[in-house]
């Protein structure tokens, strides 16, 4: 069986996204309040998700702009809202499951769920500047 996504434990830690291509707002503005439990958990989840790479693109799914939101409730349950690069993406079944496993394993998380959405549709303007540079775009 071929593994469709790759988890990299040694992935660099995420930083606030810098300016990127296009002027449309990014669906998820990563700015956790680390003075709260929820903020620390959100940060831990995003760091975990940065270890997941699209198998066709050598950039992690956070930098690609596939993560549209990370919500932490009062019980420390996490809901990750994400998209894929296209509806017929070859990892449409496995990538959300990988995201759920990674989010659930992040420090402080009691449970995790993933919602895949197509609104707004993903476009390269959602990638961080770092991702664009990595892909020579």
N, C-alpha and C. Protein backbone atom coordinates (compact mmCIF):
# COMPACT_ATOMS: atom_id res chain seq x y z
N UNK A 1 0.84 -1.18 0.00
CA UNK A 1 0.00 0.00 0.00
C UNK A 1 0.89 1.24 0.00
N UNK A 2 0.61 2.20 -0.83
CA UNK A 2 1.38 3.42 -0.94
C UNK A 2 0.85 4.46 0.03
N UNK A 3 1.72 5.05 0.81
CA UNK A 3 1.32 6.11 1.73
C UNK A 3 1.17 7.41 0.93
N UNK A 4 0.04 8.06 1.10
CA UNK A 4 -0.25 9.22 0.28
C UNK A 4 0.19 10.54 0.90
N UNK A 5 0.34 10.57 2.20
CA UNK A 5 0.83 11.79 2.81
C UNK A 5 2.00 11.44 3.71
N UNK A 6 2.80 12.44 4.00
CA UNK A 6 4.02 12.22 4.75
C UNK A 6 3.96 13.07 6.02
N UNK A 7 4.26 12.46 7.15
CA UNK A 7 4.34 13.20 8.40
C UNK A 7 5.80 13.33 8.77
N UNK A 8 6.25 14.51 9.02
CA UNK A 8 7.65 14.77 9.31
C UNK A 8 7.77 15.32 10.73
N UNK A 9 8.27 14.49 11.63
CA UNK A 9 8.41 14.89 13.04
C UNK A 9 9.40 16.04 13.21
N UNK A 10 10.35 16.19 12.28
CA UNK A 10 11.39 17.20 12.41
C UNK A 10 11.07 18.46 11.61
N UNK A 11 9.81 18.64 11.27
CA UNK A 11 9.41 19.80 10.48
C UNK A 11 9.67 21.08 11.27
N UNK A 12 10.03 22.16 10.60
CA UNK A 12 10.24 23.41 11.31
C UNK A 12 8.93 23.91 11.92
N UNK A 13 9.05 24.62 13.03
CA UNK A 13 7.88 25.14 13.72
C UNK A 13 7.28 26.29 12.90
N UNK A 14 5.94 26.41 12.89
CA UNK A 14 5.30 27.46 12.10
C UNK A 14 5.55 28.84 12.70
N UNK A 15 5.54 29.81 11.84
CA UNK A 15 5.62 31.20 12.25
C UNK A 15 4.45 31.92 11.63
N UNK A 16 4.20 33.13 12.10
CA UNK A 16 3.12 33.90 11.51
C UNK A 16 3.38 34.01 10.02
N UNK A 17 2.38 33.73 9.19
CA UNK A 17 2.58 33.85 7.74
C UNK A 17 2.96 35.27 7.36
N UNK A 18 3.86 35.39 6.42
CA UNK A 18 4.23 36.70 5.92
C UNK A 18 3.35 37.03 4.73
N UNK A 19 3.57 38.19 4.16
CA UNK A 19 2.77 38.56 3.00
C UNK A 19 2.88 37.50 1.93
N UNK A 20 1.85 37.32 1.18
CA UNK A 20 1.83 36.28 0.18
C UNK A 20 1.29 36.84 -1.12
N UNK A 21 1.30 35.99 -2.13
CA UNK A 21 0.81 36.36 -3.44
C UNK A 21 -0.68 36.72 -3.36
N UNK A 22 -1.08 37.75 -4.05
CA UNK A 22 -2.49 38.12 -4.08
C UNK A 22 -2.86 39.01 -2.91
N UNK A 23 -4.07 39.57 -2.99
CA UNK A 23 -4.50 40.46 -1.92
C UNK A 23 -5.78 39.97 -1.23
N UNK A 24 -6.19 38.73 -1.52
CA UNK A 24 -7.34 38.18 -0.84
C UNK A 24 -6.94 37.76 0.57
N UNK A 25 -7.84 37.94 1.53
CA UNK A 25 -7.48 37.53 2.88
C UNK A 25 -7.35 36.02 2.99
N UNK A 26 -6.43 35.60 3.81
CA UNK A 26 -6.24 34.18 4.10
C UNK A 26 -7.40 33.73 4.98
N UNK A 27 -8.00 32.55 4.72
CA UNK A 27 -9.14 32.11 5.52
C UNK A 27 -8.83 31.96 7.01
N UNK A 28 -7.58 31.69 7.36
CA UNK A 28 -7.20 31.48 8.75
C UNK A 28 -6.00 32.33 9.08
N UNK A 29 -6.20 33.30 9.94
CA UNK A 29 -5.08 34.13 10.39
C UNK A 29 -4.55 33.53 11.68
N UNK A 30 -3.40 32.92 11.58
CA UNK A 30 -2.77 32.24 12.71
C UNK A 30 -2.22 33.26 13.68
N UNK A 31 -2.85 33.41 14.82
CA UNK A 31 -2.39 34.34 15.85
C UNK A 31 -2.88 33.85 17.21
N UNK A 32 -2.36 32.71 17.68
CA UNK A 32 -2.84 32.18 18.95
C UNK A 32 -2.42 33.06 20.13
N UNK A 33 -3.31 33.16 21.11
CA UNK A 33 -3.01 33.88 22.34
C UNK A 33 -2.36 32.88 23.29
N UNK A 34 -1.05 32.88 23.32
CA UNK A 34 -0.31 31.88 24.10
C UNK A 34 -0.41 32.09 25.61
N UNK A 35 -1.11 33.13 26.04
CA UNK A 35 -1.30 33.32 27.47
C UNK A 35 -2.49 32.50 27.99
N UNK A 36 -3.20 31.83 27.07
CA UNK A 36 -4.36 31.02 27.45
C UNK A 36 -4.11 29.56 27.08
N UNK A 37 -4.82 28.66 27.75
CA UNK A 37 -4.73 27.24 27.40
C UNK A 37 -5.17 27.02 25.96
N UNK A 38 -6.26 27.66 25.56
CA UNK A 38 -6.76 27.49 24.19
C UNK A 38 -5.71 27.93 23.18
N UNK A 39 -5.05 29.05 23.43
CA UNK A 39 -4.03 29.55 22.51
C UNK A 39 -2.83 28.62 22.43
N UNK A 40 -2.42 28.07 23.58
CA UNK A 40 -1.29 27.14 23.57
C UNK A 40 -1.65 25.86 22.83
N UNK A 41 -2.89 25.40 23.00
CA UNK A 41 -3.33 24.20 22.28
C UNK A 41 -3.42 24.48 20.79
N UNK A 42 -3.95 25.63 20.41
CA UNK A 42 -4.02 25.99 18.98
C UNK A 42 -2.62 25.98 18.37
N UNK A 43 -1.66 26.55 19.08
CA UNK A 43 -0.29 26.58 18.58
C UNK A 43 0.26 25.16 18.44
N UNK A 44 0.01 24.31 19.43
CA UNK A 44 0.50 22.93 19.39
C UNK A 44 -0.11 22.17 18.21
N UNK A 45 -1.39 22.42 17.94
CA UNK A 45 -2.05 21.75 16.81
C UNK A 45 -1.44 22.21 15.49
N UNK A 46 -1.26 23.51 15.33
CA UNK A 46 -0.68 24.02 14.08
C UNK A 46 0.74 23.48 13.91
N UNK A 47 1.51 23.44 14.98
CA UNK A 47 2.87 22.88 14.88
C UNK A 47 2.81 21.43 14.42
N UNK A 48 1.85 20.68 14.94
CA UNK A 48 1.69 19.28 14.53
C UNK A 48 1.30 19.18 13.05
N UNK A 49 0.42 20.05 12.61
CA UNK A 49 -0.04 20.01 11.22
C UNK A 49 1.07 20.42 10.25
N UNK A 50 2.03 21.18 10.72
CA UNK A 50 3.15 21.57 9.85
C UNK A 50 4.05 20.39 9.51
N UNK A 51 3.82 19.26 10.14
CA UNK A 51 4.57 18.07 9.82
C UNK A 51 3.90 17.21 8.76
N UNK A 52 2.80 17.69 8.20
CA UNK A 52 2.08 16.94 7.16
C UNK A 52 2.28 17.64 5.83
N UNK A 53 2.71 16.87 4.85
CA UNK A 53 3.01 17.43 3.53
C UNK A 53 2.09 16.82 2.48
N UNK A 54 1.69 17.65 1.53
CA UNK A 54 0.97 17.15 0.36
C UNK A 54 1.98 16.32 -0.43
N UNK A 55 1.61 15.10 -0.84
CA UNK A 55 2.59 14.26 -1.53
C UNK A 55 3.02 14.79 -2.89
N UNK A 56 2.23 15.67 -3.49
CA UNK A 56 2.57 16.19 -4.81
C UNK A 56 3.29 17.53 -4.75
N UNK A 57 3.27 18.16 -3.58
CA UNK A 57 3.85 19.50 -3.43
C UNK A 57 4.75 19.46 -2.20
N UNK A 58 6.02 19.84 -2.31
CA UNK A 58 6.95 19.71 -1.18
C UNK A 58 6.83 20.83 -0.15
N UNK A 59 5.60 21.14 0.26
CA UNK A 59 5.33 22.19 1.23
C UNK A 59 4.29 21.64 2.21
N UNK A 60 4.41 22.00 3.49
CA UNK A 60 3.44 21.48 4.45
C UNK A 60 2.06 22.10 4.23
N UNK A 61 1.04 21.42 4.74
CA UNK A 61 -0.34 21.83 4.46
C UNK A 61 -0.71 23.16 5.09
N UNK A 62 -0.04 23.55 6.17
CA UNK A 62 -0.31 24.85 6.76
C UNK A 62 0.21 25.96 5.86
N UNK A 63 1.46 25.83 5.41
CA UNK A 63 2.04 26.84 4.52
C UNK A 63 1.32 26.90 3.17
N UNK A 64 0.75 25.77 2.74
CA UNK A 64 -0.02 25.75 1.50
C UNK A 64 -1.33 26.52 1.62
N UNK A 65 -1.76 26.76 2.85
CA UNK A 65 -3.02 27.46 3.05
C UNK A 65 -4.22 26.53 3.07
N UNK A 66 -3.99 25.24 3.30
CA UNK A 66 -5.10 24.28 3.33
C UNK A 66 -5.84 24.28 4.66
N UNK A 67 -5.24 24.87 5.69
CA UNK A 67 -5.90 24.93 6.99
C UNK A 67 -6.67 26.24 7.08
N UNK A 68 -7.99 26.13 7.19
CA UNK A 68 -8.86 27.31 7.23
C UNK A 68 -9.22 27.71 8.65
N UNK A 69 -8.95 26.86 9.62
CA UNK A 69 -9.24 27.23 10.99
C UNK A 69 -8.90 26.12 11.97
N UNK A 70 -8.55 26.54 13.18
CA UNK A 70 -8.35 25.62 14.29
C UNK A 70 -9.10 26.22 15.46
N UNK A 71 -10.18 25.56 15.86
CA UNK A 71 -11.01 26.05 16.96
C UNK A 71 -10.83 25.12 18.15
N UNK A 72 -10.54 25.70 19.30
CA UNK A 72 -10.40 24.94 20.54
C UNK A 72 -11.53 25.37 21.46
N UNK A 73 -12.33 24.39 21.93
CA UNK A 73 -13.43 24.73 22.83
C UNK A 73 -12.98 24.67 24.29
N UNK A 74 -13.90 24.95 25.21
CA UNK A 74 -13.57 25.00 26.63
C UNK A 74 -13.13 23.65 27.20
N UNK A 75 -13.52 22.58 26.54
CA UNK A 75 -13.14 21.23 26.98
C UNK A 75 -11.86 20.75 26.28
N UNK A 76 -11.23 21.65 25.54
CA UNK A 76 -9.98 21.39 24.81
C UNK A 76 -10.17 20.40 23.66
N UNK A 77 -11.40 20.36 23.15
CA UNK A 77 -11.65 19.61 21.91
C UNK A 77 -11.30 20.54 20.76
N UNK A 78 -10.76 19.97 19.72
CA UNK A 78 -10.28 20.77 18.59
C UNK A 78 -11.08 20.43 17.34
N UNK A 79 -11.45 21.48 16.61
CA UNK A 79 -12.06 21.29 15.29
C UNK A 79 -11.16 22.00 14.28
N UNK A 80 -10.65 21.22 13.33
CA UNK A 80 -9.82 21.77 12.27
C UNK A 80 -10.69 21.86 11.02
N UNK A 81 -10.77 23.04 10.45
CA UNK A 81 -11.45 23.24 9.18
C UNK A 81 -10.37 23.37 8.12
N UNK A 82 -10.52 22.58 7.07
CA UNK A 82 -9.49 22.55 6.04
C UNK A 82 -10.11 22.36 4.67
N UNK A 83 -9.28 22.51 3.67
CA UNK A 83 -9.68 22.23 2.30
C UNK A 83 -8.59 21.40 1.64
N UNK A 84 -8.79 21.09 0.40
CA UNK A 84 -7.79 20.40 -0.41
C UNK A 84 -7.52 21.25 -1.64
N UNK A 85 -6.45 20.96 -2.33
CA UNK A 85 -6.13 21.78 -3.51
C UNK A 85 -7.15 21.61 -4.62
N UNK A 86 -7.84 20.48 -4.66
CA UNK A 86 -8.88 20.22 -5.66
C UNK A 86 -9.80 19.11 -5.14
N UNK A 87 -11.07 19.12 -5.56
CA UNK A 87 -11.99 18.07 -5.10
C UNK A 87 -11.54 16.66 -5.47
N UNK A 88 -10.85 16.52 -6.57
CA UNK A 88 -10.39 15.18 -6.99
C UNK A 88 -8.95 14.91 -6.55
N UNK A 89 -8.51 15.59 -5.51
CA UNK A 89 -7.16 15.41 -4.96
C UNK A 89 -6.96 13.94 -4.60
N UNK A 90 -5.81 13.36 -4.96
CA UNK A 90 -5.59 11.94 -4.69
C UNK A 90 -5.55 11.58 -3.20
N UNK A 91 -5.36 12.56 -2.32
CA UNK A 91 -5.34 12.28 -0.89
C UNK A 91 -6.61 12.75 -0.18
N UNK A 92 -7.69 12.90 -0.94
CA UNK A 92 -8.94 13.41 -0.38
C UNK A 92 -9.46 12.56 0.78
N UNK A 93 -9.17 11.28 0.77
CA UNK A 93 -9.62 10.41 1.86
C UNK A 93 -8.60 10.35 3.00
N UNK A 94 -7.33 10.25 2.68
CA UNK A 94 -6.32 10.03 3.72
C UNK A 94 -5.84 11.31 4.41
N UNK A 95 -5.77 12.43 3.71
CA UNK A 95 -5.21 13.64 4.31
C UNK A 95 -6.05 14.13 5.49
N UNK A 96 -7.38 14.24 5.38
CA UNK A 96 -8.15 14.67 6.55
C UNK A 96 -7.98 13.72 7.75
N UNK A 97 -7.84 12.45 7.49
CA UNK A 97 -7.62 11.49 8.58
C UNK A 97 -6.26 11.70 9.23
N UNK A 98 -5.24 12.00 8.43
CA UNK A 98 -3.92 12.32 8.98
C UNK A 98 -3.99 13.59 9.83
N UNK A 99 -4.74 14.58 9.35
CA UNK A 99 -4.90 15.84 10.10
C UNK A 99 -5.58 15.56 11.43
N UNK A 100 -6.61 14.75 11.42
CA UNK A 100 -7.32 14.42 12.66
C UNK A 100 -6.40 13.72 13.66
N UNK A 101 -5.62 12.77 13.19
CA UNK A 101 -4.70 12.04 14.07
C UNK A 101 -3.65 12.97 14.66
N UNK A 102 -3.09 13.83 13.82
CA UNK A 102 -2.07 14.76 14.30
C UNK A 102 -2.65 15.76 15.30
N UNK A 103 -3.83 16.29 14.99
CA UNK A 103 -4.47 17.25 15.90
C UNK A 103 -4.79 16.59 17.24
N UNK A 104 -5.32 15.38 17.20
CA UNK A 104 -5.69 14.67 18.43
C UNK A 104 -4.47 14.37 19.29
N UNK A 105 -3.31 14.19 18.67
CA UNK A 105 -2.09 13.86 19.40
C UNK A 105 -1.37 15.08 19.96
N UNK A 106 -1.80 16.28 19.58
CA UNK A 106 -1.13 17.49 20.06
C UNK A 106 -1.36 17.66 21.56
N UNK A 107 -0.37 18.24 22.22
CA UNK A 107 -0.42 18.40 23.67
C UNK A 107 -1.64 19.21 24.11
N UNK A 108 -2.39 18.65 25.06
CA UNK A 108 -3.55 19.34 25.63
C UNK A 108 -4.87 19.05 24.96
N UNK A 109 -4.86 18.41 23.82
CA UNK A 109 -6.09 18.13 23.07
C UNK A 109 -6.80 16.92 23.67
N UNK A 110 -8.11 17.05 23.92
CA UNK A 110 -8.88 15.93 24.45
C UNK A 110 -9.58 15.15 23.35
N UNK A 111 -9.89 15.79 22.25
CA UNK A 111 -10.54 15.13 21.11
C UNK A 111 -10.36 16.04 19.90
N UNK A 112 -10.46 15.45 18.72
CA UNK A 112 -10.29 16.25 17.50
C UNK A 112 -11.25 15.79 16.42
N UNK A 113 -11.68 16.74 15.61
CA UNK A 113 -12.47 16.44 14.43
C UNK A 113 -11.99 17.33 13.30
N UNK A 114 -12.26 16.90 12.08
CA UNK A 114 -11.84 17.65 10.90
C UNK A 114 -13.05 17.84 9.99
N UNK A 115 -13.21 19.06 9.54
CA UNK A 115 -14.25 19.38 8.56
C UNK A 115 -13.56 19.82 7.28
N UNK A 116 -13.90 19.18 6.17
CA UNK A 116 -13.37 19.58 4.87
C UNK A 116 -14.41 20.48 4.22
N UNK A 117 -13.97 21.64 3.76
CA UNK A 117 -14.86 22.59 3.12
C UNK A 117 -14.28 22.99 1.76
N UNK A 118 -15.14 23.43 0.89
CA UNK A 118 -14.70 23.90 -0.44
C UNK A 118 -14.96 25.40 -0.59
N UNK A 119 -15.34 26.04 0.50
CA UNK A 119 -15.65 27.46 0.44
C UNK A 119 -14.82 28.20 1.50
N UNK A 120 -13.97 29.12 1.10
CA UNK A 120 -13.69 29.48 -0.28
C UNK A 120 -12.81 28.42 -0.94
N UNK A 121 -12.88 28.33 -2.26
CA UNK A 121 -12.01 27.38 -2.95
C UNK A 121 -10.54 27.76 -2.76
N UNK A 122 -9.70 26.75 -2.62
CA UNK A 122 -8.28 27.01 -2.46
C UNK A 122 -7.72 27.63 -3.73
N UNK A 123 -6.78 28.56 -3.55
CA UNK A 123 -6.03 29.12 -4.68
C UNK A 123 -4.62 29.44 -4.18
N UNK A 124 -3.70 29.65 -5.08
CA UNK A 124 -2.31 29.83 -4.67
C UNK A 124 -2.09 31.10 -3.86
N UNK A 125 -3.03 32.03 -3.89
CA UNK A 125 -2.93 33.23 -3.06
C UNK A 125 -3.06 32.92 -1.58
N UNK A 126 -3.49 31.71 -1.23
CA UNK A 126 -3.61 31.32 0.17
C UNK A 126 -2.30 30.78 0.73
N UNK A 127 -1.33 30.56 -0.14
CA UNK A 127 -0.03 30.06 0.32
C UNK A 127 0.75 31.19 0.96
N UNK A 128 1.60 30.84 1.92
CA UNK A 128 2.47 31.84 2.52
C UNK A 128 3.58 32.20 1.53
N UNK A 129 4.23 33.29 1.81
CA UNK A 129 5.36 33.71 0.98
C UNK A 129 6.44 32.63 0.95
N UNK A 130 6.65 32.00 2.11
CA UNK A 130 7.66 30.92 2.19
C UNK A 130 7.32 29.78 1.25
N UNK A 131 6.02 29.41 1.18
CA UNK A 131 5.60 28.33 0.29
C UNK A 131 5.81 28.72 -1.17
N UNK A 132 5.48 29.94 -1.50
CA UNK A 132 5.67 30.41 -2.88
C UNK A 132 7.14 30.37 -3.28
N UNK A 133 8.00 30.78 -2.34
CA UNK A 133 9.44 30.75 -2.63
C UNK A 133 9.93 29.31 -2.79
N UNK A 134 9.46 28.43 -1.93
CA UNK A 134 9.86 27.02 -2.01
C UNK A 134 9.49 26.42 -3.36
N UNK A 135 8.35 26.85 -3.90
CA UNK A 135 7.86 26.31 -5.17
C UNK A 135 8.29 27.14 -6.38
N UNK A 136 9.12 28.17 -6.13
CA UNK A 136 9.59 29.05 -7.20
C UNK A 136 8.44 29.72 -7.95
N UNK A 137 7.44 30.17 -7.21
CA UNK A 137 6.30 30.85 -7.84
C UNK A 137 6.36 32.34 -7.61
